[in-house]
PDB file of N, CA and C in Angstrom:
ATOM      1  N   MET A   1      -0.633  14.624   2.703  1.00  0.00           N
ATOM      2  CA  MET A   1       0.386  13.731   3.339  1.00  0.00           C
ATOM      3  C   MET A   1       0.617  12.674   2.277  1.00  0.00           C
ATOM      4  N   ARG A   2      -0.262  12.601   1.090  1.00  0.00           N
ATOM      5  CA  ARG A   2      -0.328  11.274   0.444  1.00  0.00           C
ATOM      6  C   ARG A   2       1.156  11.713  -0.551  1.00  0.00           C
ATOM      7  N   CYS A   3       1.684  10.352  -0.615  1.00  0.00           N
ATOM      8  CA  CYS A   3       3.093  10.265  -1.255  1.00  0.00           C
ATOM      9  C   CYS A   3       2.977   9.734  -2.735  1.00  0.00           C
ATOM     10  N   ASP A   4       2.833  10.412  -3.681  1.00  0.00           N
ATOM     11  CA  ASP A   4       2.308   9.677  -5.016  1.00  0.00           C
ATOM     12  C   ASP A   4       3.926   9.005  -5.662  1.00  0.00           C
ATOM     13  N   ARG A   5       3.794   7.735  -5.510  1.00  0.00           N
ATOM     14  CA  ARG A   5       4.439   6.969  -5.946  1.00  0.00           C
ATOM     15  C   ARG A   5       4.358   6.291  -7.205  1.00  0.00           C
ATOM     16  N   ARG A   6       3.563   6.646  -8.135  1.00  0.00           N
ATOM     17  CA  ARG A   6       3.288   6.354  -9.581  1.00  0.00           C
ATOM     18  C   ARG A   6       4.447   6.729 -10.471  1.00  0.00           C
ATOM     19  N   ALA A   7       5.140   6.217 -11.160  1.00  0.00           N
ATOM     20  CA  ALA A   7       6.285   6.213 -12.197  1.00  0.00           C
ATOM     21  C   ALA A   7       5.585   7.250 -13.270  1.00  0.00           C
ATOM     22  N   ARG A   8       6.322   8.558 -13.682  1.00  0.00           N
ATOM     23  CA  ARG A   8       5.795   9.244 -14.971  1.00  0.00           C
ATOM     24  C   ARG A   8       6.035   8.192 -16.227  1.00  0.00           C
ATOM     25  N   PHE A   9       5.184   8.548 -17.057  1.00  0.00           N
ATOM     26  CA  PHE A   9       4.924   7.923 -18.180  1.00  0.00           C
ATOM     27  C   PHE A   9       6.320   8.139 -19.046  1.00  0.00           C
ATOM     28  N   GLY A  10       7.132   6.998 -19.253  1.00  0.00           N
ATOM     29  CA  GLY A  10       8.419   6.968 -20.078  1.00  0.00           C
ATOM     30  C   GLY A  10       9.496   6.725 -18.942  1.00  0.00           C
ATOM     31  N   THR A  11       9.091   6.469 -17.690  1.00  0.00           N
ATOM     32  CA  THR A  11      10.329   6.116 -16.858  1.00  0.00           C
ATOM     33  C   THR A  11      10.714   4.552 -17.098  1.00  0.00           C
ATOM     34  N   GLU A  12      12.013   4.448 -17.058  1.00  0.00           N
ATOM     35  CA  GLU A  12      12.621   2.977 -17.219  1.00  0.00           C
ATOM     36  C   GLU A  12      13.341   2.707 -16.044  1.00  0.00           C
ATOM     37  N   VAL A  13      13.753   1.276 -16.078  1.00  0.00           N
ATOM     38  CA  VAL A  13      14.565   0.537 -14.873  1.00  0.00           C
ATOM     39  C   VAL A  13      14.898  -0.634 -15.731  1.00  0.00           C
ATOM     40  N   ALA A  14      16.422  -0.734 -14.795  1.00  0.00           N
ATOM     41  CA  ALA A  14      17.553  -1.505 -15.460  1.00  0.00           C
ATOM     42  C   ALA A  14      17.112  -2.727 -14.526  1.00  0.00           C
ATOM     43  N   LEU A  15      17.141  -4.202 -15.115  1.00  0.00           N
ATOM     44  CA  LEU A  15      17.047  -5.148 -14.863  1.00  0.00           C
ATOM     45  C   LEU A  15      18.189  -6.285 -14.937  1.00  0.00           C
ATOM     46  N   ASP A  16      18.676  -6.570 -13.773  1.00  0.00           N
ATOM     47  CA  ASP A  16      19.497  -7.863 -14.292  1.00  0.00           C
ATOM     48  C   ASP A  16      18.993  -9.210 -14.723  1.00  0.00           C
ATOM     49  N   VAL A  17      18.983  -9.452 -16.034  1.00  0.00           N
ATOM     50  CA  VAL A  17      18.017 -10.361 -16.651  1.00  0.00           C
ATOM     51  C   VAL A  17      18.587 -11.444 -16.195  1.00  0.00           C
ATOM     52  N   ASN A  18      19.703 -11.831 -15.853  1.00  0.00           N
ATOM     53  CA  ASN A  18      20.070 -13.237 -15.426  1.00  0.00           C
ATOM     54  C   ASN A  18      19.736 -13.409 -14.320  1.00  0.00           C
ATOM     55  N   ASN A  19      19.308 -12.340 -13.122  1.00  0.00           N
ATOM     56  CA  ASN A  19      19.178 -12.444 -11.807  1.00  0.00           C
ATOM     57  C   ASN A  19      17.501 -12.926 -12.129  1.00  0.00           C
ATOM     58  N   ILE A  20      16.937 -12.701 -12.846  1.00  0.00           N
ATOM     59  CA  ILE A  20      15.691 -13.119 -13.433  1.00  0.00           C
ATOM     60  C   ILE A  20      15.578 -14.475 -14.029  1.00  0.00           C
ATOM     61  N   LEU A  21      16.273 -14.918 -14.816  1.00  0.00           N
ATOM     62  CA  LEU A  21      16.093 -16.166 -15.324  1.00  0.00           C
ATOM     63  C   LEU A  21      16.851 -17.100 -14.459  1.00  0.00           C
ATOM     64  N   VAL A  22      17.892 -16.929 -13.792  1.00  0.00           N
ATOM     65  CA  VAL A  22      17.783 -18.100 -13.054  1.00  0.00           C
ATOM     66  C   VAL A  22      17.512 -18.476 -11.625  1.00  0.00           C
ATOM     67  N   PHE A  23      16.848 -17.493 -11.249  1.00  0.00           N
ATOM     68  CA  PHE A  23      15.816 -17.692 -10.090  1.00  0.00           C
ATOM     69  C   PHE A  23      14.397 -17.690 -10.511  1.00  0.00           C
ATOM     70  N   GLY A  24      13.934 -17.709 -11.618  1.00  0.00           N
ATOM     71  CA  GLY A  24      12.490 -17.870 -12.129  1.00  0.00           C
ATOM     72  C   GLY A  24      11.816 -16.678 -11.843  1.00  0.00           C
ATOM     73  N   ARG A  25      12.370 -15.664 -11.649  1.00  0.00           N
ATOM     74  CA  ARG A  25      11.433 -14.616 -10.976  1.00  0.00           C
ATOM     75  C   ARG A  25      10.564 -13.966 -12.087  1.00  0.00           C
ATOM     76  N   VAL A  26       9.409 -13.109 -11.686  1.00  0.00           N
ATOM     77  CA  VAL A  26       8.690 -12.376 -12.594  1.00  0.00           C
ATOM     78  C   VAL A  26       8.642 -11.072 -12.275  1.00  0.00           C
ATOM     79  N   VAL A  27       8.332 -10.379 -13.343  1.00  0.00           N
ATOM     80  CA  VAL A  27       8.576  -8.833 -13.232  1.00  0.00           C
ATOM     81  C   VAL A  27       6.772  -8.492 -13.593  1.00  0.00           C
ATOM     82  N   ARG A  28       6.071  -8.198 -12.963  1.00  0.00           N
ATOM     83  CA  ARG A  28       4.569  -7.840 -13.176  1.00  0.00           C
ATOM     84  C   ARG A  28       4.061  -6.474 -12.583  1.00  0.00           C
ATOM     85  N   GLY A  29       3.533  -5.662 -13.329  1.00  0.00           N
ATOM     86  CA  GLY A  29       2.986  -4.165 -12.853  1.00  0.00           C
ATOM     87  C   GLY A  29       1.424  -4.411 -12.484  1.00  0.00           C
ATOM     88  N   ILE A  30       0.989  -4.054 -11.314  1.00  0.00           N
ATOM     89  CA  ILE A  30      -0.248  -3.776 -10.564  1.00  0.00           C
ATOM     90  C   ILE A  30      -0.617  -2.381 -10.453  1.00  0.00           C
ATOM     91  N   VAL A  31      -1.777  -2.470 -10.849  1.00  0.00           N
ATOM     92  CA  VAL A  31      -2.309  -1.294 -10.442  1.00  0.00           C
ATOM     93  C   VAL A  31      -3.670  -1.259  -9.204  1.00  0.00           C
ATOM     94  N   GLU A  32      -3.632  -1.010  -8.276  1.00  0.00           N
ATOM     95  CA  GLU A  32      -4.503  -0.833  -7.055  1.00  0.00           C
ATOM     96  C   GLU A  32      -4.692  -2.099  -6.837  1.00  0.00           C
ATOM     97  N   GLY A  33      -3.981  -3.503  -6.944  1.00  0.00           N
ATOM     98  CA  GLY A  33      -4.135  -4.473  -6.562  1.00  0.00           C
ATOM     99  C   GLY A  33      -4.908  -5.108  -7.842  1.00  0.00           C
ATOM    100  N   GLU A  34      -5.416  -4.572  -8.800  1.00  0.00           N
ATOM    101  CA  GLU A  34      -6.430  -5.079  -9.977  1.00  0.00           C
ATOM    102  C   GLU A  34      -7.721  -5.777  -9.181  1.00  0.00           C
ATOM    103  N   SER A  35      -7.885  -5.248  -8.219  1.00  0.00           N
ATOM    104  CA  SER A  35      -9.216  -5.886  -7.420  1.00  0.00           C
ATOM    105  C   SER A  35     -10.278  -5.208  -8.593  1.00  0.00           C
ATOM    106  N   VAL A  36     -11.527  -5.755  -8.031  1.00  0.00           N
ATOM    107  CA  VAL A  36     -12.647  -5.167  -8.758  1.00  0.00           C
ATOM    108  C   VAL A  36     -13.693  -4.544  -7.401  1.00  0.00           C
ATOM    109  N   PRO A  37     -13.588  -3.477  -7.146  1.00  0.00           N
ATOM    110  CA  PRO A  37     -14.240  -2.644  -5.958  1.00  0.00           C
ATOM    111  C   PRO A  37     -15.649  -2.884  -5.670  1.00  0.00           C
ATOM    112  N   GLU A  38     -16.477  -3.309  -6.731  1.00  0.00           N
ATOM    113  CA  GLU A  38     -17.956  -3.976  -6.122  1.00  0.00           C
ATOM    114  C   GLU A  38     -17.878  -5.163  -5.637  1.00  0.00           C
ATOM    115  N   LEU A  39     -16.864  -6.108  -5.716  1.00  0.00           N
ATOM    116  CA  LEU A  39     -16.787  -7.402  -5.104  1.00  0.00           C
ATOM    117  C   LEU A  39     -15.712  -7.062  -3.820  1.00  0.00           C
ATOM    118  N   PHE A  40     -14.651  -6.636  -3.919  1.00  0.00           N
ATOM    119  CA  PHE A  40     -13.718  -6.881  -3.019  1.00  0.00           C
ATOM    120  C   PHE A  40     -14.225  -5.629  -1.604  1.00  0.00           C
ATOM    121  N   ILE A  41     -14.612  -4.405  -1.643  1.00  0.00           N
ATOM    122  CA  ILE A  41     -15.114  -4.124  -0.502  1.00  0.00           C
ATOM    123  C   ILE A  41     -16.339  -4.656  -0.029  1.00  0.00           C
ATOM    124  N   PRO A  42     -17.415  -4.934  -0.611  1.00  0.00           N
ATOM    125  CA  PRO A  42     -18.220  -5.771   0.479  1.00  0.00           C
ATOM    126  C   PRO A  42     -17.748  -6.826   1.231  1.00  0.00           C
ATOM    127  N   ALA A  43     -16.369  -7.719   0.381  1.00  0.00           N
ATOM    128  CA  ALA A  43     -15.994  -8.712   1.102  1.00  0.00           C
ATOM    129  C   ALA A  43     -15.156  -8.480   2.454  1.00  0.00           C
ATOM    130  N   LEU A  44     -14.485  -7.436   2.101  1.00  0.00           N
ATOM    131  CA  LEU A  44     -13.530  -6.755   3.568  1.00  0.00           C
ATOM    132  C   LEU A  44     -14.542  -6.276   4.248  1.00  0.00           C
ATOM    133  N   LEU A  45     -15.497  -5.734   4.182  1.00  0.00           N
ATOM    134  CA  LEU A  45     -16.619  -5.444   5.373  1.00  0.00           C
ATOM    135  C   LEU A  45     -17.552  -6.413   5.812  1.00  0.00           C
ATOM    136  N   GLU A  46     -17.732  -7.893   5.222  1.00  0.00           N
ATOM    137  CA  GLU A  46     -18.259  -8.682   5.854  1.00  0.00           C
ATOM    138  C   GLU A  46     -17.267  -9.374   6.603  1.00  0.00           C
ATOM    139  N   LEU A  47     -15.596  -9.549   6.056  1.00  0.00           N
ATOM    140  CA  LEU A  47     -14.656 -10.135   7.080  1.00  0.00           C
ATOM    141  C   LEU A  47     -14.530  -9.027   8.488  1.00  0.00           C
ATOM    142  N   TRP A  48     -14.557  -7.496   8.048  1.00  0.00           N
ATOM    143  CA  TRP A  48     -14.601  -6.942   9.511  1.00  0.00           C
ATOM    144  C   TRP A  48     -15.735  -6.946  10.311  1.00  0.00           C
ATOM    145  N   ARG A  49     -16.958  -7.400   9.896  1.00  0.00           N
ATOM    146  CA  ARG A  49     -18.187  -7.697  10.503  1.00  0.00           C
ATOM    147  C   ARG A  49     -17.857  -8.912  11.209  1.00  0.00           C
ATOM    148  N   VAL A  50     -17.250  -9.946  10.783  1.00  0.00           N
ATOM    149  CA  VAL A  50     -17.109 -11.133  11.558  1.00  0.00           C
ATOM    150  C   VAL A  50     -16.072 -11.152  12.446  1.00  0.00           C
ATOM    151  N   GLY A  51     -15.337 -10.164  12.687  1.00  0.00           N
ATOM    152  CA  GLY A  51     -13.823 -10.099  13.422  1.00  0.00           C
ATOM    153  C   GLY A  51     -12.703 -10.509  12.443  1.00  0.00           C
ATOM    154  N   ARG A  52     -12.762 -10.951  11.262  1.00  0.00           N
ATOM    155  CA  ARG A  52     -11.874 -11.620  10.563  1.00  0.00           C
ATOM    156  C   ARG A  52     -10.764 -10.652   9.970  1.00  0.00           C
ATOM    157  N   PHE A  53     -11.003  -9.559  10.024  1.00  0.00           N
ATOM    158  CA  PHE A  53     -10.300  -8.215   9.226  1.00  0.00           C
ATOM    159  C   PHE A  53      -9.816  -7.297  10.400  1.00  0.00           C
ATOM    160  N   PRO A  54      -8.966  -6.853  11.206  1.00  0.00           N
ATOM    161  CA  PRO A  54      -8.764  -6.236  12.256  1.00  0.00           C
ATOM    162  C   PRO A  54      -8.251  -4.809  11.651  1.00  0.00           C
ATOM    163  N   VAL A  55      -9.049  -4.208  10.761  1.00  0.00           N
ATOM    164  CA  VAL A  55      -8.794  -2.967   9.909  1.00  0.00           C
ATOM    165  C   VAL A  55      -8.026  -1.612  11.118  1.00  0.00           C
ATOM    166  N   ASP A  56      -8.512  -1.802  12.289  1.00  0.00           N
ATOM    167  CA  ASP A  56      -7.865  -0.867  13.383  1.00  0.00           C
ATOM    168  C   ASP A  56      -6.433  -1.331  13.620  1.00  0.00           C
ATOM    169  N   ARG A  57      -6.032  -2.499  13.655  1.00  0.00           N
ATOM    170  CA  ARG A  57      -4.697  -2.794  13.783  1.00  0.00           C
ATOM    171  C   ARG A  57      -4.006  -2.257  12.486  1.00  0.00           C
ATOM    172  N   LEU A  58      -4.306  -1.984  11.276  1.00  0.00           N
ATOM    173  CA  LEU A  58      -3.372  -1.312  10.380  1.00  0.00           C
ATOM    174  C   LEU A  58      -3.476   0.208  10.457  1.00  0.00           C
ATOM    175  N   MET A  59      -4.334   0.756  11.179  1.00  0.00           N
ATOM    176  CA  MET A  59      -4.324   2.510  11.337  1.00  0.00           C
ATOM    177  C   MET A  59      -3.371   2.783  12.456  1.00  0.00           C
ATOM    178  N   THR A  60      -2.822   4.010  12.381  1.00  0.00           N
ATOM    179  CA  THR A  60      -2.071   4.765  13.116  1.00  0.00           C
ATOM    180  C   THR A  60      -2.793   5.906  13.102  1.00  0.00           C
ATOM    181  N   TYR A  61      -3.017   6.394  14.318  1.00  0.00           N
ATOM    182  CA  TYR A  61      -3.695   7.813  14.443  1.00  0.00           C
ATOM    183  C   TYR A  61      -2.730   9.116  14.576  1.00  0.00           C
ATOM    184  N   TYR A  62      -2.662  10.122  13.965  1.00  0.00           N
ATOM    185  CA  TYR A  62      -1.762  11.236  14.053  1.00  0.00           C
ATOM    186  C   TYR A  62      -2.254  12.603  14.450  1.00  0.00           C
ATOM    187  N   ASP A  63      -2.001  13.501  15.066  1.00  0.00           N
ATOM    188  CA  ASP A  63      -2.438  14.803  15.034  1.00  0.00           C
ATOM    189  C   ASP A  63      -2.076  15.290  13.530  1.00  0.00           C
ATOM    190  N   PHE A  64      -2.847  16.529  13.199  1.00  0.00           N
ATOM    191  CA  PHE A  64      -2.709  17.092  11.679  1.00  0.00           C
ATOM    192  C   PHE A  64      -0.825  17.392  12.023  1.00  0.00           C
ATOM    193  N   ASP A  65      -0.793  18.265  13.021  1.00  0.00           N
ATOM    194  CA  ASP A  65       0.637  18.575  13.023  1.00  0.00           C
ATOM    195  C   ASP A  65       2.170  17.559  13.208  1.00  0.00           C
ATOM    196  N   GLN A  66       1.507  16.275  13.307  1.00  0.00           N
ATOM    197  CA  GLN A  66       2.484  15.345  13.307  1.00  0.00           C
ATOM    198  C   GLN A  66       2.539  14.231  11.514  1.00  0.00           C
ATOM    199  N   ILE A  67       1.969  15.394  10.924  1.00  0.00           N
ATOM    200  CA  ILE A  67       1.911  15.147   9.361  1.00  0.00           C
ATOM    201  C   ILE A  67       3.516  14.357   8.972  1.00  0.00           C
ATOM    202  N   ASN A  68       4.465  15.366   9.141  1.00  0.00           N
ATOM    203  CA  ASN A  68       5.797  14.572   8.657  1.00  0.00           C
ATOM    204  C   ASN A  68       6.297  13.168   9.505  1.00  0.00           C
ATOM    205  N   GLN A  69       5.712  13.302  10.516  1.00  0.00           N
ATOM    206  CA  GLN A  69       5.995  11.846  11.601  1.00  0.00           C
ATOM    207  C   GLN A  69       5.084  10.777  10.755  1.00  0.00           C
ATOM    208  N   ALA A  70       3.957  11.154  10.405  1.00  0.00           N
ATOM    209  CA  ALA A  70       3.169  10.031   9.685  1.00  0.00           C
ATOM    210  C   ALA A  70       3.600   9.498   8.446  1.00  0.00           C
ATOM    211  N   ALA A  71       4.200  10.469   7.836  1.00  0.00           N
ATOM    212  CA  ALA A  71       4.826  10.153   6.414  1.00  0.00           C
ATOM    213  C   ALA A  71       5.636   9.245   6.480  1.00  0.00           C
ATOM    214  N   HIS A  72       6.573   9.678   7.853  1.00  0.00           N
ATOM    215  CA  HIS A  72       7.960   8.895   7.714  1.00  0.00           C
ATOM    216  C   HIS A  72       7.482   7.595   8.081  1.00  0.00           C
ATOM    217  N   ASP A  73       6.759   7.580   9.056  1.00  0.00           N
ATOM    218  CA  ASP A  73       6.081   6.148   9.471  1.00  0.00           C
ATOM    219  C   ASP A  73       5.800   5.295   8.523  1.00  0.00           C
ATOM    220  N   ALA A  74       4.699   5.904   7.296  1.00  0.00           N
ATOM    221  CA  ALA A  74       4.712   4.908   6.258  1.00  0.00           C
ATOM    222  C   ALA A  74       5.602   4.557   5.461  1.00  0.00           C
ATOM    223  N   GLU A  75       6.778   5.505   5.173  1.00  0.00           N
ATOM    224  CA  GLU A  75       7.698   5.152   4.376  1.00  0.00           C
ATOM    225  C   GLU A  75       8.679   4.321   4.751  1.00  0.00           C
ATOM    226  N   THR A  76       8.615   4.012   5.929  1.00  0.00           N
ATOM    227  CA  THR A  76       9.836   3.306   6.677  1.00  0.00           C
ATOM    228  C   THR A  76       8.715   1.660   7.084  1.00  0.00           C
ATOM    229  N   GLY A  77       7.424   1.558   6.789  1.00  0.00           N
ATOM    230  CA  GLY A  77       6.826   0.784   7.299  1.00  0.00           C
ATOM    231  C   GLY A  77       6.697   0.554   8.922  1.00  0.00           C
ATOM    232  N   LYS A  78       6.807   1.801   9.285  1.00  0.00           N
ATOM    233  CA  LYS A  78       6.193   1.359  10.855  1.00  0.00           C
ATOM    234  C   LYS A  78       4.856   1.462  11.158  1.00  0.00           C
ATOM    235  N   THR A  79       4.056   2.178   9.869  1.00  0.00           N
ATOM    236  CA  THR A  79       2.690   2.223  10.207  1.00  0.00           C
ATOM    237  C   THR A  79       1.953   1.597   8.772  1.00  0.00           C
ATOM    238  N   ILE A  80       0.856   1.052   8.479  1.00  0.00           N
ATOM    239  CA  ILE A  80       0.189   0.909   7.159  1.00  0.00           C
ATOM    240  C   ILE A  80      -0.196   1.572   6.717  1.00  0.00           C
ATOM    241  N   LYS A  81      -1.314   2.308   7.862  1.00  0.00           N
ATOM    242  CA  LYS A  81      -2.064   3.280   6.711  1.00  0.00           C
ATOM    243  C   LYS A  81      -2.171   4.492   8.073  1.00  0.00           C
ATOM    244  N   PRO A  82      -1.415   5.557   7.929  1.00  0.00           N
ATOM    245  CA  PRO A  82      -1.521   6.347   9.157  1.00  0.00           C
ATOM    246  C   PRO A  82      -2.884   7.440   8.336  1.00  0.00           C
ATOM    247  N   VAL A  83      -3.428   7.835   9.736  1.00  0.00           N
ATOM    248  CA  VAL A  83      -4.790   8.848   9.587  1.00  0.00           C
ATOM    249  C   VAL A  83      -4.331  10.104  10.315  1.00  0.00           C
ATOM    250  N   LEU A  84      -4.339  11.142   9.394  1.00  0.00           N
ATOM    251  CA  LEU A  84      -4.401  12.339  10.190  1.00  0.00           C
ATOM    252  C   LEU A  84      -5.760  12.917  10.662  1.00  0.00           C
ATOM    253  N   GLY A  85      -5.741  13.358  11.922  1.00  0.00           N
ATOM    254  CA  GLY A  85      -7.057  13.974  12.367  1.00  0.00           C
ATOM    255  C   GLY A  85      -6.881  15.645  12.244  1.00  0.00           C
ATOM    256  N   MET A  86      -7.755  16.292  11.804  1.00  0.00           N
ATOM    257  CA  MET A  86      -7.817  17.643  11.546  1.00  0.00           C
ATOM    258  C   MET A  86      -8.167  18.437  12.812  1.00  0.00           C
TER     259      MET A  86
END
């Protein structure tokens, strides 16, 4: 179900430079949030432990035969993290 959204090497994008300059916008590439997993994951677990990270509200469960619906819901933003049951 995973949708690979990484651009292939050599992919180019056209930007309106005036739109960037006039409004002071910044274009920046980020891979996986640039987090340090050894620090980030324990911090998330602690937030979850004390009730400040409701991870269950981010997930929607789907039966495996609903894989296309799960992908659609993720693409449209209806769900943040689709979870498939086997």
